[in-house]
């Protein structure tokens, strides 16, 4: 099983209030840094679609 390290956004600075991401076995794992036991797994294509949606500002009305 291939496992990579968790990464967080450089915008998070030293704060523990962030989402961390890693790839493992062809999936993307997401977790909150302050609750590392709960991990959401999704396909890379689904995660890429989420990133495109966020970058396009399509979820800004939820902020």
N, C-alpha and C. Protein backbone atom coordinates (compact mmCIF):
# COMPACT_ATOMS: atom_id res chain seq x y z
N UNK A 1 0.84 -1.17 0.00
CA UNK A 1 0.00 0.00 0.00
C UNK A 1 0.89 1.24 0.00
N UNK A 2 0.70 2.12 -0.97
CA UNK A 2 1.44 3.36 -1.03
C UNK A 2 0.73 4.43 -0.21
N UNK A 3 1.46 5.10 0.64
CA UNK A 3 0.87 6.12 1.50
C UNK A 3 1.74 7.35 1.49
N UNK A 4 1.15 8.50 1.29
CA UNK A 4 1.91 9.75 1.31
C UNK A 4 1.59 10.53 2.59
N UNK A 5 2.38 11.55 2.84
CA UNK A 5 2.19 12.38 4.02
C UNK A 5 1.02 13.34 3.84
N UNK A 6 0.42 13.71 4.95
CA UNK A 6 -0.66 14.70 4.92
C UNK A 6 -0.06 16.07 4.60
N UNK A 7 -0.78 16.84 3.79
CA UNK A 7 -0.36 18.19 3.43
C UNK A 7 -1.48 19.15 3.75
N UNK A 8 -1.11 20.36 4.18
CA UNK A 8 -2.12 21.39 4.38
C UNK A 8 -1.73 22.62 3.58
N UNK A 9 -2.69 23.45 3.36
CA UNK A 9 -2.48 24.66 2.56
C UNK A 9 -1.46 25.57 3.23
N UNK A 10 -0.66 26.22 2.41
CA UNK A 10 0.29 27.19 2.95
C UNK A 10 -0.44 28.40 3.52
N UNK A 11 -1.71 28.58 3.18
CA UNK A 11 -2.51 29.67 3.73
C UNK A 11 -2.91 29.41 5.19
N UNK A 12 -2.74 28.18 5.65
CA UNK A 12 -3.15 27.82 7.01
C UNK A 12 -2.15 28.27 8.06
N UNK A 13 -0.97 28.67 7.67
CA UNK A 13 0.13 29.06 8.57
C UNK A 13 0.33 27.98 9.62
N UNK A 14 0.47 28.36 10.85
CA UNK A 14 0.71 27.36 11.90
C UNK A 14 -0.57 26.95 12.61
N UNK A 15 -1.69 27.40 12.12
CA UNK A 15 -2.99 27.10 12.73
C UNK A 15 -3.33 25.61 12.57
N UNK A 16 -4.04 25.08 13.55
CA UNK A 16 -4.52 23.70 13.46
C UNK A 16 -5.91 23.63 12.86
N UNK A 17 -6.48 24.76 12.48
CA UNK A 17 -7.83 24.79 11.91
C UNK A 17 -7.74 24.76 10.39
N UNK A 18 -7.47 23.59 9.85
CA UNK A 18 -7.33 23.50 8.40
C UNK A 18 -7.70 22.11 7.94
N UNK A 19 -7.84 21.97 6.65
CA UNK A 19 -8.09 20.68 6.03
C UNK A 19 -6.76 20.16 5.50
N UNK A 20 -6.49 18.90 5.75
CA UNK A 20 -5.28 18.26 5.25
C UNK A 20 -5.66 17.27 4.16
N UNK A 21 -4.77 17.08 3.20
CA UNK A 21 -5.03 16.25 2.03
C UNK A 21 -3.86 15.30 1.81
N UNK A 22 -4.15 14.10 1.34
CA UNK A 22 -3.10 13.18 0.90
C UNK A 22 -3.67 12.23 -0.13
N UNK A 23 -2.80 11.62 -0.90
CA UNK A 23 -3.23 10.58 -1.83
C UNK A 23 -2.76 9.24 -1.28
N UNK A 24 -3.60 8.23 -1.50
CA UNK A 24 -3.27 6.88 -1.05
C UNK A 24 -4.03 5.89 -1.91
N UNK A 25 -3.29 5.01 -2.55
CA UNK A 25 -3.89 3.96 -3.38
C UNK A 25 -4.86 4.51 -4.43
N UNK A 26 -4.50 5.63 -5.05
CA UNK A 26 -5.32 6.20 -6.11
C UNK A 26 -6.51 7.02 -5.64
N UNK A 27 -6.65 7.20 -4.34
CA UNK A 27 -7.73 8.01 -3.78
C UNK A 27 -7.15 9.24 -3.09
N UNK A 28 -7.99 10.23 -2.90
CA UNK A 28 -7.62 11.41 -2.14
C UNK A 28 -8.27 11.30 -0.77
N UNK A 29 -7.49 11.54 0.27
CA UNK A 29 -8.00 11.55 1.63
C UNK A 29 -8.04 12.97 2.14
N UNK A 30 -9.13 13.32 2.82
CA UNK A 30 -9.31 14.65 3.40
C UNK A 30 -9.63 14.50 4.87
N UNK A 31 -9.04 15.35 5.71
CA UNK A 31 -9.37 15.34 7.14
C UNK A 31 -9.15 16.73 7.71
N UNK A 32 -9.79 17.01 8.82
CA UNK A 32 -9.51 18.24 9.56
C UNK A 32 -8.30 17.98 10.45
N UNK A 33 -7.43 18.94 10.54
CA UNK A 33 -6.19 18.73 11.29
C UNK A 33 -6.45 18.50 12.77
N UNK A 34 -7.54 19.03 13.30
CA UNK A 34 -7.82 18.84 14.73
C UNK A 34 -8.64 17.58 15.02
N UNK A 35 -9.01 16.82 13.98
CA UNK A 35 -9.73 15.56 14.16
C UNK A 35 -9.22 14.56 13.14
N UNK A 36 -8.02 14.07 13.36
CA UNK A 36 -7.35 13.21 12.39
C UNK A 36 -7.92 11.82 12.24
N UNK A 37 -8.84 11.42 13.10
CA UNK A 37 -9.41 10.08 13.02
C UNK A 37 -10.49 9.96 11.95
N UNK A 38 -11.17 11.05 11.63
CA UNK A 38 -12.24 11.05 10.64
C UNK A 38 -11.66 11.46 9.29
N UNK A 39 -11.66 10.52 8.35
CA UNK A 39 -11.05 10.76 7.04
C UNK A 39 -12.09 10.49 5.95
N UNK A 40 -12.24 11.43 5.04
CA UNK A 40 -13.11 11.29 3.87
C UNK A 40 -12.24 10.87 2.69
N UNK A 41 -12.63 9.81 2.00
CA UNK A 41 -11.91 9.36 0.81
C UNK A 41 -12.76 9.61 -0.42
N UNK A 42 -12.12 10.06 -1.49
CA UNK A 42 -12.84 10.31 -2.73
C UNK A 42 -11.90 10.04 -3.91
N UNK A 43 -12.49 9.90 -5.08
CA UNK A 43 -11.70 9.68 -6.30
C UNK A 43 -10.96 10.97 -6.66
N UNK A 44 -9.82 10.81 -7.30
CA UNK A 44 -9.03 11.98 -7.69
C UNK A 44 -9.81 12.89 -8.63
N UNK A 45 -10.59 12.32 -9.53
CA UNK A 45 -11.37 13.14 -10.46
C UNK A 45 -12.45 13.94 -9.74
N UNK A 46 -13.05 13.38 -8.72
CA UNK A 46 -14.05 14.08 -7.93
C UNK A 46 -13.42 15.23 -7.17
N UNK A 47 -12.24 14.99 -6.59
CA UNK A 47 -11.54 16.03 -5.86
C UNK A 47 -11.10 17.15 -6.81
N UNK A 48 -10.63 16.79 -7.99
CA UNK A 48 -10.24 17.80 -8.98
C UNK A 48 -11.44 18.67 -9.36
N UNK A 49 -12.61 18.05 -9.50
CA UNK A 49 -13.83 18.80 -9.79
C UNK A 49 -14.19 19.76 -8.67
N UNK A 50 -14.02 19.32 -7.43
CA UNK A 50 -14.27 20.20 -6.29
C UNK A 50 -13.33 21.40 -6.31
N UNK A 51 -12.06 21.15 -6.56
CA UNK A 51 -11.10 22.26 -6.62
C UNK A 51 -11.44 23.25 -7.74
N UNK A 52 -11.84 22.74 -8.89
CA UNK A 52 -12.24 23.63 -10.00
C UNK A 52 -13.44 24.48 -9.59
N UNK A 53 -14.41 23.88 -8.92
CA UNK A 53 -15.61 24.59 -8.47
C UNK A 53 -15.26 25.68 -7.47
N UNK A 54 -14.38 25.36 -6.52
CA UNK A 54 -13.96 26.35 -5.53
C UNK A 54 -13.21 27.50 -6.19
N UNK A 55 -12.28 27.17 -7.07
CA UNK A 55 -11.48 28.21 -7.74
C UNK A 55 -12.34 29.11 -8.62
N UNK A 56 -13.42 28.56 -9.16
CA UNK A 56 -14.31 29.34 -10.01
C UNK A 56 -15.26 30.23 -9.18
N UNK A 57 -15.22 30.07 -7.86
CA UNK A 57 -16.06 30.90 -7.00
C UNK A 57 -17.50 30.45 -6.91
N UNK A 58 -17.79 29.25 -7.37
CA UNK A 58 -19.16 28.80 -7.41
C UNK A 58 -19.74 28.47 -6.03
N UNK A 59 -18.92 28.42 -5.00
CA UNK A 59 -19.40 28.14 -3.65
C UNK A 59 -19.28 29.34 -2.73
N UNK A 60 -18.91 30.47 -3.28
CA UNK A 60 -18.69 31.66 -2.45
C UNK A 60 -19.93 32.11 -1.70
N UNK A 61 -21.10 31.85 -2.24
CA UNK A 61 -22.33 32.27 -1.57
C UNK A 61 -22.58 31.51 -0.27
N UNK A 62 -21.81 30.44 -0.01
CA UNK A 62 -21.95 29.70 1.25
C UNK A 62 -21.07 30.27 2.35
N UNK A 63 -20.14 31.13 2.00
CA UNK A 63 -19.19 31.68 2.99
C UNK A 63 -19.86 32.68 3.91
